């Protein structure tokens, strides 16, 4: 799978797991992951998915 981008629309930081390590996505920021979702675990929350963009929403 190709590159995936995760964007936070949250007012607080969002923590997810990448290759077994916790990664903090700061509120309102964007991060790109080269190998897609293969090594990513996203905790349950409201999300919108559009093509290769995941938008993490406030609860």
N, C-alpha and C. Protein backbone atom coordinates (compact mmCIF):
# COMPACT_ATOMS: atom_id res chain seq x y z
N UNK A 1 0.85 -1.18 0.00
CA UNK A 1 0.00 0.00 0.00
C UNK A 1 0.89 1.24 0.00
N UNK A 2 0.44 2.32 -0.66
CA UNK A 2 1.23 3.53 -0.77
C UNK A 2 1.13 4.43 0.44
N UNK A 3 1.60 5.63 0.27
CA UNK A 3 1.63 6.62 1.36
C UNK A 3 0.22 6.96 1.84
N UNK A 4 0.10 7.15 3.15
CA UNK A 4 -1.15 7.57 3.77
C UNK A 4 -0.88 8.84 4.57
N UNK A 5 -1.83 9.75 4.57
CA UNK A 5 -1.71 10.99 5.34
C UNK A 5 -2.78 11.00 6.41
N UNK A 6 -2.41 11.37 7.63
CA UNK A 6 -3.36 11.47 8.74
C UNK A 6 -3.39 12.91 9.19
N UNK A 7 -4.58 13.49 9.21
CA UNK A 7 -4.75 14.89 9.62
C UNK A 7 -5.62 14.94 10.87
N UNK A 8 -5.23 15.75 11.83
CA UNK A 8 -6.00 15.90 13.05
C UNK A 8 -6.84 17.16 13.00
N UNK A 9 -8.16 16.99 13.17
CA UNK A 9 -9.07 18.13 13.34
C UNK A 9 -9.44 18.27 14.81
N UNK A 10 -8.67 17.62 15.68
CA UNK A 10 -8.97 17.60 17.11
C UNK A 10 -8.39 18.82 17.81
N UNK A 11 -8.94 19.11 18.98
CA UNK A 11 -8.43 20.19 19.84
C UNK A 11 -7.39 19.65 20.81
N UNK A 12 -7.26 18.33 20.89
CA UNK A 12 -6.28 17.69 21.76
C UNK A 12 -5.40 16.77 20.93
N UNK A 13 -4.25 16.40 21.48
CA UNK A 13 -3.35 15.48 20.78
C UNK A 13 -4.00 14.10 20.66
N UNK A 14 -3.59 13.37 19.64
CA UNK A 14 -4.12 12.03 19.36
C UNK A 14 -2.93 11.07 19.31
N UNK A 15 -2.99 10.00 20.06
CA UNK A 15 -1.90 9.02 20.09
C UNK A 15 -2.32 7.75 19.36
N UNK A 16 -1.45 7.29 18.45
CA UNK A 16 -1.68 6.03 17.76
C UNK A 16 -0.38 5.24 17.77
N UNK A 17 -0.43 4.00 17.32
CA UNK A 17 0.74 3.12 17.35
C UNK A 17 1.28 2.93 15.93
N UNK A 18 2.58 3.12 15.77
CA UNK A 18 3.25 2.90 14.49
C UNK A 18 4.47 2.03 14.74
N UNK A 19 4.48 0.86 14.12
CA UNK A 19 5.56 -0.12 14.30
C UNK A 19 5.82 -0.42 15.77
N UNK A 20 4.73 -0.55 16.54
CA UNK A 20 4.84 -0.91 17.94
C UNK A 20 5.16 0.22 18.89
N UNK A 21 5.35 1.43 18.38
CA UNK A 21 5.69 2.58 19.20
C UNK A 21 4.55 3.59 19.19
N UNK A 22 4.32 4.25 20.32
CA UNK A 22 3.31 5.30 20.39
C UNK A 22 3.81 6.53 19.63
N UNK A 23 2.93 7.10 18.82
CA UNK A 23 3.23 8.32 18.08
C UNK A 23 2.15 9.33 18.44
N UNK A 24 2.55 10.55 18.76
CA UNK A 24 1.59 11.60 19.10
C UNK A 24 1.40 12.51 17.89
N UNK A 25 0.15 12.60 17.45
CA UNK A 25 -0.23 13.53 16.40
C UNK A 25 -0.80 14.75 17.10
N UNK A 26 -0.07 15.84 17.05
CA UNK A 26 -0.49 17.05 17.77
C UNK A 26 -1.78 17.60 17.18
N UNK A 27 -2.57 18.25 18.02
CA UNK A 27 -3.84 18.83 17.60
C UNK A 27 -3.63 19.73 16.39
N UNK A 28 -4.44 19.53 15.35
CA UNK A 28 -4.38 20.36 14.16
C UNK A 28 -3.23 20.10 13.23
N UNK A 29 -2.46 19.04 13.42
CA UNK A 29 -1.30 18.79 12.57
C UNK A 29 -1.56 17.66 11.57
N UNK A 30 -0.58 17.45 10.69
CA UNK A 30 -0.67 16.45 9.62
C UNK A 30 0.60 15.62 9.65
N UNK A 31 0.45 14.32 9.40
CA UNK A 31 1.61 13.43 9.31
C UNK A 31 1.40 12.49 8.13
N UNK A 32 2.47 12.19 7.41
CA UNK A 32 2.41 11.24 6.30
C UNK A 32 3.24 10.02 6.66
N UNK A 33 2.72 8.85 6.27
CA UNK A 33 3.39 7.58 6.54
C UNK A 33 3.63 6.89 5.21
N UNK A 34 4.89 6.60 4.91
CA UNK A 34 5.28 6.13 3.59
C UNK A 34 4.68 4.77 3.21
N UNK A 35 4.60 3.84 4.16
CA UNK A 35 4.14 2.49 3.79
C UNK A 35 2.67 2.25 4.12
N UNK A 36 1.88 3.31 4.15
CA UNK A 36 0.45 3.18 4.37
C UNK A 36 0.10 2.68 5.75
N UNK A 37 -1.00 1.97 5.84
CA UNK A 37 -1.52 1.53 7.14
C UNK A 37 -0.98 0.19 7.61
N UNK A 38 -0.04 -0.37 6.90
CA UNK A 38 0.49 -1.69 7.22
C UNK A 38 0.96 -1.81 8.67
N UNK A 39 1.62 -0.80 9.20
CA UNK A 39 2.18 -0.86 10.55
C UNK A 39 1.50 0.11 11.52
N UNK A 40 0.28 0.56 11.17
CA UNK A 40 -0.41 1.58 11.96
C UNK A 40 -1.62 0.97 12.67
N UNK A 41 -1.78 1.32 13.95
CA UNK A 41 -2.97 0.96 14.72
C UNK A 41 -3.60 2.25 15.22
N UNK A 42 -4.82 2.54 14.75
CA UNK A 42 -5.51 3.77 15.13
C UNK A 42 -6.57 3.44 16.17
N UNK A 43 -6.46 4.02 17.37
CA UNK A 43 -7.49 3.80 18.38
C UNK A 43 -8.85 4.30 17.88
N UNK A 44 -9.89 3.70 18.37
CA UNK A 44 -11.24 4.04 17.95
C UNK A 44 -11.55 5.50 18.24
N UNK A 45 -12.01 6.21 17.23
CA UNK A 45 -12.47 7.58 17.36
C UNK A 45 -13.23 7.91 16.09
N UNK A 46 -13.82 9.08 16.04
CA UNK A 46 -14.50 9.50 14.83
C UNK A 46 -13.46 9.85 13.78
N UNK A 47 -13.64 9.32 12.56
CA UNK A 47 -12.72 9.59 11.46
C UNK A 47 -13.49 9.76 10.17
N UNK A 48 -12.86 10.44 9.25
CA UNK A 48 -13.36 10.53 7.88
C UNK A 48 -12.23 10.06 7.00
N UNK A 49 -12.52 9.20 6.05
CA UNK A 49 -11.49 8.67 5.16
C UNK A 49 -11.82 9.09 3.73
N UNK A 50 -10.86 9.74 3.06
CA UNK A 50 -11.02 10.18 1.69
C UNK A 50 -9.74 9.87 0.93
N UNK A 51 -9.81 8.91 0.02
CA UNK A 51 -8.64 8.46 -0.74
C UNK A 51 -7.53 8.04 0.23
N UNK A 52 -6.38 8.70 0.18
CA UNK A 52 -5.27 8.35 1.07
C UNK A 52 -5.14 9.30 2.24
N UNK A 53 -6.26 9.95 2.62
CA UNK A 53 -6.27 10.89 3.73
C UNK A 53 -7.24 10.41 4.81
N UNK A 54 -6.74 10.31 6.04
CA UNK A 54 -7.58 9.99 7.19
C UNK A 54 -7.67 11.25 8.03
N UNK A 55 -8.89 11.69 8.31
CA UNK A 55 -9.11 12.89 9.13
C UNK A 55 -9.62 12.44 10.47
N UNK A 56 -8.87 12.71 11.53
CA UNK A 56 -9.22 12.31 12.89
C UNK A 56 -10.03 13.45 13.50
N UNK A 57 -11.26 13.13 13.92
CA UNK A 57 -12.19 14.15 14.44
C UNK A 57 -12.23 14.13 15.96
N UNK A 58 -12.76 15.22 16.54
CA UNK A 58 -13.02 15.25 17.97
C UNK A 58 -14.13 14.28 18.30
N UNK A 59 -14.08 13.72 19.50
CA UNK A 59 -15.13 12.77 19.94
C UNK A 59 -16.44 13.48 20.11
